[in-house]
N, C-alpha and C. Protein backbone atom coordinates (compact mmCIF):
# COMPACT_ATOMS: atom_id res chain seq x y z
N MET A 1 6.38 -13.23 -25.80
CA MET A 1 5.01 -13.40 -25.40
C MET A 1 4.80 -13.12 -23.91
N ALA A 2 5.79 -13.48 -23.07
CA ALA A 2 5.64 -13.26 -21.64
C ALA A 2 5.50 -11.78 -21.31
N TRP A 3 6.18 -10.94 -22.11
CA TRP A 3 6.10 -9.51 -21.83
C TRP A 3 4.71 -8.97 -22.09
N ILE A 4 3.97 -9.59 -23.02
CA ILE A 4 2.59 -9.14 -23.29
C ILE A 4 1.72 -9.41 -22.08
N GLY A 5 1.87 -10.59 -21.46
CA GLY A 5 1.10 -10.90 -20.26
C GLY A 5 1.46 -9.96 -19.13
N GLY A 6 2.77 -9.66 -18.98
CA GLY A 6 3.20 -8.73 -17.94
C GLY A 6 2.66 -7.33 -18.17
N ALA A 7 2.66 -6.91 -19.44
CA ALA A 7 2.12 -5.58 -19.77
C ALA A 7 0.63 -5.52 -19.48
N GLY A 8 -0.08 -6.60 -19.77
CA GLY A 8 -1.52 -6.64 -19.48
C GLY A 8 -1.79 -6.57 -18.00
N LEU A 9 -0.98 -7.30 -17.21
CA LEU A 9 -1.13 -7.28 -15.75
C LEU A 9 -0.87 -5.88 -15.21
N LEU A 10 0.18 -5.23 -15.71
CA LEU A 10 0.49 -3.88 -15.26
C LEU A 10 -0.63 -2.92 -15.65
N ALA A 11 -1.14 -3.04 -16.86
CA ALA A 11 -2.25 -2.17 -17.29
C ALA A 11 -3.47 -2.37 -16.40
N ALA A 12 -3.78 -3.62 -16.06
CA ALA A 12 -4.92 -3.89 -15.18
C ALA A 12 -4.70 -3.27 -13.81
N ALA A 13 -3.46 -3.35 -13.30
CA ALA A 13 -3.15 -2.76 -11.99
C ALA A 13 -3.31 -1.25 -12.04
N VAL A 14 -2.82 -0.64 -13.11
CA VAL A 14 -2.91 0.82 -13.25
C VAL A 14 -4.35 1.26 -13.28
N ILE A 15 -5.17 0.60 -14.05
CA ILE A 15 -6.58 0.97 -14.16
C ILE A 15 -7.30 0.71 -12.86
N SER A 16 -7.00 -0.41 -12.19
CA SER A 16 -7.75 -0.78 -10.99
C SER A 16 -7.50 0.15 -9.82
N VAL A 17 -6.33 0.79 -9.75
CA VAL A 17 -6.07 1.67 -8.62
C VAL A 17 -6.35 3.12 -8.91
N GLY A 18 -6.90 3.41 -10.07
CA GLY A 18 -7.35 4.77 -10.34
C GLY A 18 -6.26 5.71 -10.78
N LEU A 19 -5.37 5.25 -11.65
CA LEU A 19 -4.34 6.13 -12.17
C LEU A 19 -4.95 7.32 -12.88
N PHE A 20 -6.03 7.08 -13.58
CA PHE A 20 -6.69 8.12 -14.34
C PHE A 20 -7.81 8.71 -13.50
N GLY A 21 -7.76 10.01 -13.25
CA GLY A 21 -8.70 10.67 -12.35
C GLY A 21 -10.15 10.42 -12.66
N ASP A 22 -10.56 10.48 -13.93
CA ASP A 22 -11.96 10.30 -14.28
C ASP A 22 -12.44 8.91 -13.91
N GLN A 23 -11.62 7.89 -14.16
CA GLN A 23 -12.02 6.54 -13.80
C GLN A 23 -12.10 6.40 -12.29
N ALA A 24 -11.18 7.02 -11.58
CA ALA A 24 -11.22 6.94 -10.12
C ALA A 24 -12.50 7.58 -9.60
N ASP A 25 -12.87 8.73 -10.18
CA ASP A 25 -14.09 9.39 -9.76
C ASP A 25 -15.30 8.51 -10.05
N GLU A 26 -15.33 7.91 -11.24
CA GLU A 26 -16.44 7.02 -11.59
C GLU A 26 -16.48 5.81 -10.66
N GLN A 27 -15.30 5.25 -10.35
CA GLN A 27 -15.27 4.09 -9.45
C GLN A 27 -15.81 4.48 -8.09
N ARG A 28 -15.43 5.66 -7.57
CA ARG A 28 -15.93 6.12 -6.28
C ARG A 28 -17.44 6.26 -6.31
N LYS A 29 -17.98 6.74 -7.43
CA LYS A 29 -19.42 6.94 -7.53
C LYS A 29 -20.16 5.62 -7.68
N SER A 30 -19.56 4.67 -8.40
CA SER A 30 -20.28 3.44 -8.72
C SER A 30 -20.06 2.33 -7.70
N THR A 31 -19.02 2.42 -6.88
CA THR A 31 -18.76 1.38 -5.90
C THR A 31 -19.26 1.85 -4.55
N PRO A 32 -20.23 1.11 -3.95
CA PRO A 32 -20.71 1.55 -2.65
C PRO A 32 -19.58 1.50 -1.62
N ALA A 33 -19.43 2.56 -0.87
CA ALA A 33 -18.39 2.61 0.14
C ALA A 33 -18.94 2.11 1.46
N GLN A 34 -18.13 1.33 2.16
CA GLN A 34 -18.50 0.86 3.49
C GLN A 34 -17.52 1.49 4.46
N GLY A 35 -18.03 2.30 5.34
CA GLY A 35 -17.17 2.95 6.32
C GLY A 35 -16.15 3.89 5.69
N GLY A 36 -16.52 4.51 4.57
CA GLY A 36 -15.60 5.45 3.94
C GLY A 36 -14.45 4.79 3.21
N GLN A 37 -14.56 3.50 2.92
CA GLN A 37 -13.46 2.79 2.29
C GLN A 37 -13.81 2.44 0.86
N SER A 38 -12.81 2.49 0.01
CA SER A 38 -12.98 1.95 -1.33
C SER A 38 -11.88 0.92 -1.54
N VAL A 39 -12.12 0.01 -2.43
CA VAL A 39 -11.23 -1.13 -2.57
C VAL A 39 -10.39 -0.99 -3.83
N THR A 40 -9.12 -1.21 -3.69
CA THR A 40 -8.19 -1.27 -4.80
C THR A 40 -8.03 -2.74 -5.15
N ARG A 41 -8.01 -3.06 -6.43
CA ARG A 41 -8.09 -4.46 -6.82
C ARG A 41 -6.81 -5.00 -7.46
N SER A 42 -5.67 -4.88 -6.83
CA SER A 42 -4.46 -5.47 -7.39
C SER A 42 -3.56 -5.97 -6.28
N SER A 43 -3.38 -7.30 -6.22
CA SER A 43 -2.52 -7.86 -5.20
C SER A 43 -1.06 -7.75 -5.59
N GLN A 44 -0.75 -7.28 -6.78
CA GLN A 44 0.64 -7.16 -7.22
C GLN A 44 1.34 -5.96 -6.58
N LEU A 45 0.64 -5.15 -5.85
CA LEU A 45 1.25 -3.99 -5.23
C LEU A 45 2.03 -4.34 -3.97
N ILE A 46 1.81 -5.53 -3.45
CA ILE A 46 2.54 -6.02 -2.28
C ILE A 46 3.26 -7.30 -2.71
N ARG A 47 4.59 -7.30 -2.54
CA ARG A 47 5.40 -8.46 -2.92
C ARG A 47 5.72 -9.26 -1.67
N PRO A 48 5.35 -10.55 -1.63
CA PRO A 48 5.66 -11.35 -0.44
C PRO A 48 7.15 -11.36 -0.12
N VAL A 49 7.47 -11.31 1.16
CA VAL A 49 8.85 -11.37 1.63
C VAL A 49 9.29 -12.83 1.58
N ALA A 50 10.45 -13.08 1.00
CA ALA A 50 11.03 -14.43 0.98
C ALA A 50 11.46 -14.81 2.39
N ALA A 51 11.45 -16.10 2.69
CA ALA A 51 11.84 -16.58 4.02
C ALA A 51 13.22 -16.06 4.41
N SER A 52 14.12 -15.99 3.45
CA SER A 52 15.49 -15.52 3.73
C SER A 52 15.54 -14.02 4.06
N GLU A 53 14.47 -13.29 3.77
CA GLU A 53 14.41 -11.85 4.03
C GLU A 53 13.62 -11.48 5.28
N THR A 54 13.12 -12.48 6.00
CA THR A 54 12.22 -12.22 7.12
C THR A 54 12.82 -11.28 8.16
N GLU A 55 14.03 -11.56 8.62
CA GLU A 55 14.63 -10.72 9.66
C GLU A 55 14.90 -9.31 9.15
N ALA A 56 15.33 -9.18 7.90
CA ALA A 56 15.55 -7.85 7.33
C ALA A 56 14.24 -7.09 7.26
N ALA A 57 13.16 -7.77 6.88
CA ALA A 57 11.85 -7.12 6.80
C ALA A 57 11.37 -6.68 8.18
N ILE A 58 11.52 -7.54 9.17
CA ILE A 58 11.11 -7.17 10.53
C ILE A 58 11.92 -5.98 11.02
N GLY A 59 13.20 -5.95 10.68
CA GLY A 59 14.05 -4.83 11.06
C GLY A 59 13.61 -3.51 10.44
N ARG A 60 12.95 -3.57 9.29
CA ARG A 60 12.50 -2.34 8.60
C ARG A 60 11.10 -1.91 9.01
N LEU A 61 10.42 -2.70 9.83
CA LEU A 61 9.09 -2.29 10.29
C LEU A 61 9.22 -1.01 11.10
N MET A 62 8.31 -0.09 10.88
CA MET A 62 8.33 1.20 11.58
C MET A 62 7.41 1.10 12.80
N MET A 63 7.89 0.32 13.77
CA MET A 63 7.13 0.12 15.00
C MET A 63 8.11 -0.22 16.12
N ALA A 64 7.63 -0.17 17.35
CA ALA A 64 8.46 -0.43 18.52
C ALA A 64 8.88 -1.90 18.57
N GLU A 65 9.98 -2.16 19.27
CA GLU A 65 10.52 -3.52 19.37
C GLU A 65 9.51 -4.54 19.89
N PRO A 66 8.69 -4.22 20.91
CA PRO A 66 7.70 -5.21 21.36
C PRO A 66 6.72 -5.60 20.25
N GLU A 67 6.33 -4.64 19.41
CA GLU A 67 5.44 -4.96 18.29
C GLU A 67 6.17 -5.80 17.25
N LYS A 68 7.44 -5.49 17.00
CA LYS A 68 8.22 -6.31 16.07
C LYS A 68 8.31 -7.75 16.57
N ALA A 69 8.46 -7.91 17.88
CA ALA A 69 8.53 -9.26 18.46
C ALA A 69 7.21 -10.01 18.24
N LYS A 70 6.08 -9.30 18.36
CA LYS A 70 4.78 -9.93 18.11
C LYS A 70 4.66 -10.35 16.65
N VAL A 71 5.11 -9.49 15.74
CA VAL A 71 5.08 -9.83 14.31
C VAL A 71 5.94 -11.06 14.07
N ARG A 72 7.16 -11.07 14.62
CA ARG A 72 8.08 -12.20 14.46
C ARG A 72 7.42 -13.50 14.92
N ALA A 73 6.76 -13.46 16.08
CA ALA A 73 6.11 -14.66 16.62
C ALA A 73 4.96 -15.12 15.72
N GLU A 74 4.16 -14.18 15.23
CA GLU A 74 3.02 -14.52 14.36
C GLU A 74 3.50 -15.09 13.03
N VAL A 75 4.58 -14.52 12.49
CA VAL A 75 5.15 -15.04 11.24
C VAL A 75 5.70 -16.44 11.47
N ALA A 76 6.40 -16.64 12.59
CA ALA A 76 6.99 -17.95 12.90
C ALA A 76 5.94 -19.04 13.03
N ARG A 77 4.79 -18.71 13.57
CA ARG A 77 3.75 -19.74 13.71
C ARG A 77 2.86 -19.85 12.48
N GLY A 78 3.14 -19.03 11.46
CA GLY A 78 2.43 -19.14 10.19
C GLY A 78 1.10 -18.41 10.13
N ALA A 79 0.78 -17.63 11.16
CA ALA A 79 -0.50 -16.92 11.19
C ALA A 79 -0.45 -15.60 10.43
N MET A 80 0.74 -15.09 10.21
CA MET A 80 0.90 -13.79 9.56
C MET A 80 2.03 -13.91 8.54
N ARG A 81 1.97 -13.05 7.55
CA ARG A 81 3.02 -12.98 6.54
C ARG A 81 3.54 -11.56 6.44
N LEU A 82 4.64 -11.42 5.75
CA LEU A 82 5.23 -10.10 5.52
C LEU A 82 5.30 -9.84 4.03
N GLY A 83 5.10 -8.58 3.65
CA GLY A 83 5.21 -8.20 2.25
C GLY A 83 5.99 -6.91 2.13
N TRP A 84 6.55 -6.69 0.95
CA TRP A 84 7.24 -5.44 0.64
C TRP A 84 6.29 -4.55 -0.15
N ILE A 85 6.25 -3.29 0.19
CA ILE A 85 5.50 -2.31 -0.58
C ILE A 85 6.39 -1.07 -0.73
N THR A 86 6.38 -0.48 -1.91
CA THR A 86 7.17 0.71 -2.18
C THR A 86 6.21 1.87 -2.43
N VAL A 87 6.41 2.97 -1.70
CA VAL A 87 5.51 4.13 -1.79
C VAL A 87 6.31 5.41 -2.04
N SER A 88 5.63 6.40 -2.60
CA SER A 88 6.23 7.73 -2.76
C SER A 88 5.13 8.77 -2.91
N ASP A 89 5.51 10.03 -2.79
CA ASP A 89 4.62 11.16 -3.07
C ASP A 89 4.78 11.47 -4.55
N ILE A 90 3.67 11.53 -5.28
CA ILE A 90 3.77 11.69 -6.73
C ILE A 90 3.63 13.13 -7.20
N ARG A 91 3.32 14.04 -6.31
CA ARG A 91 3.23 15.45 -6.71
C ARG A 91 4.24 16.24 -5.91
N ALA A 92 3.81 17.29 -5.28
CA ALA A 92 4.72 18.11 -4.48
C ALA A 92 5.11 17.37 -3.21
N GLU A 93 6.39 17.34 -2.91
CA GLU A 93 6.85 16.74 -1.67
C GLU A 93 6.57 17.76 -0.57
N ASP A 94 5.31 17.74 -0.11
CA ASP A 94 4.81 18.79 0.77
C ASP A 94 4.48 18.32 2.18
N GLY A 95 4.93 17.14 2.55
CA GLY A 95 4.69 16.66 3.90
C GLY A 95 3.50 15.75 4.04
N ASP A 96 3.06 15.11 2.95
CA ASP A 96 1.96 14.15 3.03
C ASP A 96 2.40 12.92 3.85
N TRP A 97 1.46 12.40 4.64
CA TRP A 97 1.68 11.17 5.42
C TRP A 97 0.52 10.22 5.17
N VAL A 98 0.83 8.92 5.16
CA VAL A 98 -0.20 7.88 5.11
C VAL A 98 0.07 6.86 6.21
N ARG A 99 -0.96 6.11 6.54
CA ARG A 99 -0.84 5.00 7.49
C ARG A 99 -1.11 3.71 6.72
N LEU A 100 -0.21 2.75 6.85
CA LEU A 100 -0.42 1.41 6.32
C LEU A 100 -0.77 0.53 7.50
N ALA A 101 -1.90 -0.15 7.42
CA ALA A 101 -2.36 -0.97 8.54
C ALA A 101 -2.87 -2.31 8.04
N ALA A 102 -2.48 -3.36 8.76
CA ALA A 102 -2.96 -4.71 8.46
C ALA A 102 -2.57 -5.62 9.62
N GLY A 103 -3.35 -6.65 9.81
CA GLY A 103 -3.02 -7.66 10.81
C GLY A 103 -2.94 -7.12 12.23
N GLY A 104 -3.58 -6.00 12.50
CA GLY A 104 -3.54 -5.42 13.84
C GLY A 104 -2.34 -4.52 14.09
N PHE A 105 -1.55 -4.28 13.06
CA PHE A 105 -0.37 -3.43 13.18
C PHE A 105 -0.51 -2.24 12.24
N ARG A 106 0.11 -1.13 12.61
CA ARG A 106 0.05 0.05 11.74
C ARG A 106 1.41 0.74 11.71
N GLN A 107 1.66 1.38 10.57
CA GLN A 107 2.90 2.13 10.38
C GLN A 107 2.56 3.43 9.68
N ASP A 108 3.06 4.53 10.22
CA ASP A 108 2.86 5.84 9.61
C ASP A 108 4.12 6.20 8.84
N VAL A 109 3.93 6.67 7.61
CA VAL A 109 5.08 6.98 6.76
C VAL A 109 4.88 8.34 6.09
N ARG A 110 5.94 9.15 6.16
CA ARG A 110 5.94 10.42 5.42
C ARG A 110 6.35 10.11 4.00
N LEU A 111 5.59 10.64 3.06
CA LEU A 111 5.84 10.37 1.65
C LEU A 111 6.85 11.36 1.09
N LEU A 112 7.85 10.83 0.42
CA LEU A 112 8.87 11.62 -0.25
C LEU A 112 8.80 11.32 -1.74
N HIS A 113 9.43 12.14 -2.56
CA HIS A 113 9.49 11.82 -3.99
C HIS A 113 10.29 10.55 -4.23
N LYS A 114 11.34 10.36 -3.47
CA LYS A 114 12.16 9.16 -3.61
C LYS A 114 11.35 7.97 -3.10
N PRO A 115 11.14 6.94 -3.93
CA PRO A 115 10.38 5.77 -3.49
C PRO A 115 11.04 5.11 -2.27
N TYR A 116 10.20 4.69 -1.34
CA TYR A 116 10.66 4.04 -0.11
C TYR A 116 10.01 2.67 -0.01
N THR A 117 10.85 1.64 0.11
CA THR A 117 10.35 0.27 0.25
C THR A 117 10.30 -0.07 1.73
N MET A 118 9.14 -0.54 2.15
CA MET A 118 8.95 -0.90 3.55
C MET A 118 8.25 -2.25 3.65
N ALA A 119 8.41 -2.86 4.79
CA ALA A 119 7.75 -4.13 5.04
C ALA A 119 6.40 -3.85 5.68
N VAL A 120 5.44 -4.71 5.39
CA VAL A 120 4.12 -4.60 6.00
C VAL A 120 3.66 -6.01 6.40
N PRO A 121 3.28 -6.19 7.68
CA PRO A 121 2.73 -7.49 8.09
C PRO A 121 1.28 -7.57 7.65
N TYR A 122 0.85 -8.76 7.23
CA TYR A 122 -0.54 -8.91 6.80
C TYR A 122 -1.03 -10.32 7.07
N LEU A 123 -2.34 -10.44 7.16
CA LEU A 123 -2.99 -11.74 7.28
C LEU A 123 -3.39 -12.16 5.88
N PRO A 124 -3.07 -13.38 5.48
CA PRO A 124 -3.42 -13.82 4.13
C PRO A 124 -4.91 -13.61 3.85
N GLY A 125 -5.18 -12.99 2.71
CA GLY A 125 -6.56 -12.75 2.29
C GLY A 125 -7.21 -11.52 2.89
N THR A 126 -6.50 -10.82 3.76
CA THR A 126 -7.04 -9.62 4.39
C THR A 126 -6.31 -8.40 3.81
N PRO A 127 -7.05 -7.40 3.35
CA PRO A 127 -6.39 -6.26 2.70
C PRO A 127 -5.55 -5.41 3.64
N VAL A 128 -4.62 -4.70 3.04
CA VAL A 128 -3.82 -3.70 3.73
C VAL A 128 -4.50 -2.36 3.50
N SER A 129 -4.76 -1.63 4.57
CA SER A 129 -5.41 -0.32 4.47
C SER A 129 -4.37 0.78 4.32
N VAL A 130 -4.63 1.70 3.41
CA VAL A 130 -3.82 2.90 3.23
C VAL A 130 -4.73 4.06 3.60
N THR A 131 -4.40 4.75 4.68
CA THR A 131 -5.22 5.85 5.18
C THR A 131 -4.47 7.17 5.02
N GLY A 132 -5.14 8.16 4.49
CA GLY A 132 -4.56 9.49 4.41
C GLY A 132 -4.49 10.09 5.80
N LEU A 133 -3.29 10.43 6.27
CA LEU A 133 -3.12 10.98 7.62
C LEU A 133 -2.94 12.49 7.62
N VAL A 134 -1.98 12.97 6.84
CA VAL A 134 -1.65 14.39 6.85
C VAL A 134 -1.53 14.87 5.41
N ASP A 135 -2.27 15.93 5.10
CA ASP A 135 -2.11 16.62 3.82
C ASP A 135 -1.12 17.74 4.08
N GLY A 136 0.02 17.65 3.44
CA GLY A 136 1.08 18.62 3.67
C GLY A 136 0.81 20.01 3.13
N GLY A 137 -0.34 20.22 2.51
CA GLY A 137 -0.67 21.55 2.05
C GLY A 137 -1.06 21.65 0.60
N GLY A 138 -0.98 20.58 -0.14
CA GLY A 138 -1.32 20.62 -1.55
C GLY A 138 -2.78 20.38 -1.84
N GLY A 139 -3.59 20.13 -0.81
CA GLY A 139 -5.01 19.90 -1.01
C GLY A 139 -5.40 18.44 -1.04
N GLU A 140 -4.44 17.56 -1.34
CA GLU A 140 -4.70 16.12 -1.37
C GLU A 140 -3.43 15.39 -0.97
N ILE A 141 -3.62 14.17 -0.49
CA ILE A 141 -2.51 13.29 -0.16
C ILE A 141 -2.27 12.43 -1.38
N THR A 142 -1.13 12.62 -2.01
CA THR A 142 -0.85 11.96 -3.29
C THR A 142 0.18 10.86 -3.09
N VAL A 143 -0.23 9.63 -3.32
CA VAL A 143 0.63 8.48 -3.06
C VAL A 143 0.66 7.57 -4.27
N ALA A 144 1.83 7.02 -4.51
CA ALA A 144 2.00 6.00 -5.55
C ALA A 144 2.62 4.78 -4.91
N VAL A 145 2.30 3.63 -5.46
CA VAL A 145 2.96 2.38 -5.11
C VAL A 145 3.61 1.88 -6.39
N TYR A 146 4.47 0.91 -6.26
CA TYR A 146 5.26 0.46 -7.40
C TYR A 146 5.09 -1.03 -7.64
N VAL A 147 4.97 -1.38 -8.92
CA VAL A 147 4.97 -2.77 -9.37
C VAL A 147 6.29 -2.90 -10.12
N GLY A 148 7.29 -3.49 -9.48
CA GLY A 148 8.62 -3.49 -10.07
C GLY A 148 9.09 -2.05 -10.18
N ALA A 149 9.49 -1.65 -11.38
CA ALA A 149 9.95 -0.28 -11.60
C ALA A 149 8.82 0.64 -12.03
N ALA A 150 7.63 0.09 -12.26
CA ALA A 150 6.51 0.90 -12.75
C ALA A 150 5.77 1.56 -11.58
N GLN A 151 5.53 2.85 -11.71
CA GLN A 151 4.79 3.62 -10.71
C GLN A 151 3.30 3.51 -10.98
N VAL A 152 2.54 3.19 -9.94
CA VAL A 152 1.08 3.12 -10.05
C VAL A 152 0.51 4.14 -9.07
N SER A 153 -0.11 5.18 -9.61
CA SER A 153 -0.65 6.24 -8.77
C SER A 153 -2.00 5.83 -8.20
N LEU A 154 -2.13 5.89 -6.88
CA LEU A 154 -3.43 5.70 -6.26
C LEU A 154 -4.20 7.00 -6.41
N ARG A 155 -5.51 6.93 -6.31
CA ARG A 155 -6.27 8.17 -6.40
C ARG A 155 -5.94 9.03 -5.19
N PRO A 156 -5.93 10.34 -5.35
CA PRO A 156 -5.59 11.24 -4.24
C PRO A 156 -6.54 11.03 -3.06
N LEU A 157 -5.98 11.11 -1.87
CA LEU A 157 -6.74 10.89 -0.65
C LEU A 157 -6.94 12.20 0.11
N LYS A 158 -8.02 12.27 0.83
CA LYS A 158 -8.25 13.33 1.81
C LYS A 158 -7.86 12.76 3.18
N LYS A 159 -7.65 13.62 4.15
CA LYS A 159 -7.32 13.17 5.50
C LYS A 159 -8.43 12.24 6.00
N GLY A 160 -8.04 11.06 6.47
CA GLY A 160 -8.99 10.09 7.01
C GLY A 160 -9.56 9.14 5.98
N GLU A 161 -9.37 9.41 4.70
CA GLU A 161 -9.89 8.54 3.65
C GLU A 161 -9.03 7.28 3.56
N VAL A 162 -9.68 6.15 3.26
CA VAL A 162 -9.02 4.84 3.27
C VAL A 162 -9.17 4.15 1.92
N LEU A 163 -8.07 3.58 1.45
CA LEU A 163 -8.08 2.66 0.32
C LEU A 163 -7.62 1.31 0.85
N GLN A 164 -8.08 0.24 0.25
CA GLN A 164 -7.63 -1.08 0.65
C GLN A 164 -6.94 -1.75 -0.51
N ILE A 165 -5.77 -2.32 -0.23
CA ILE A 165 -5.01 -3.05 -1.23
C ILE A 165 -5.05 -4.52 -0.83
N PRO A 166 -5.58 -5.39 -1.69
CA PRO A 166 -5.61 -6.81 -1.34
C PRO A 166 -4.20 -7.35 -1.11
N ALA A 167 -4.05 -8.14 -0.08
CA ALA A 167 -2.77 -8.78 0.21
C ALA A 167 -2.64 -10.03 -0.65
N PRO A 168 -1.40 -10.42 -0.92
CA PRO A 168 -1.20 -11.65 -1.72
C PRO A 168 -1.76 -12.88 -1.02
């Protein structure tokens, strides 16, 4: 029975992030955009970092040491949390880049076919923004995130377009 609930949760996540192009297009048309942003509705795409993993997560942040120190201090005082997110390029590995931003910090990542797990600092209840930075030449920035081993394709992004993923 537990697997049925898990399958339902995964199905809801897949549908909510626009795995199917027609639904994504309809969602874009029916959801008013504020500042060019649309909202993705699944907090399961970011897995909270366990306390025992905090230093490893900070070490994997793609930012300068002074910024890592700020994250460490904010996490220590309980104002910020860390989460794991796994991303990849789901079509041609053509040099697509995205920016993950939350809590005043940002990280730019080149998307590869091989899934890459990275840490992201976030403020509880505040979404993580995924911004299309560079289209490597395929016409769209194609990114997937992962729920466990399951790949969830976000709708293709144009340069500068933003999706928001709710933080846990």
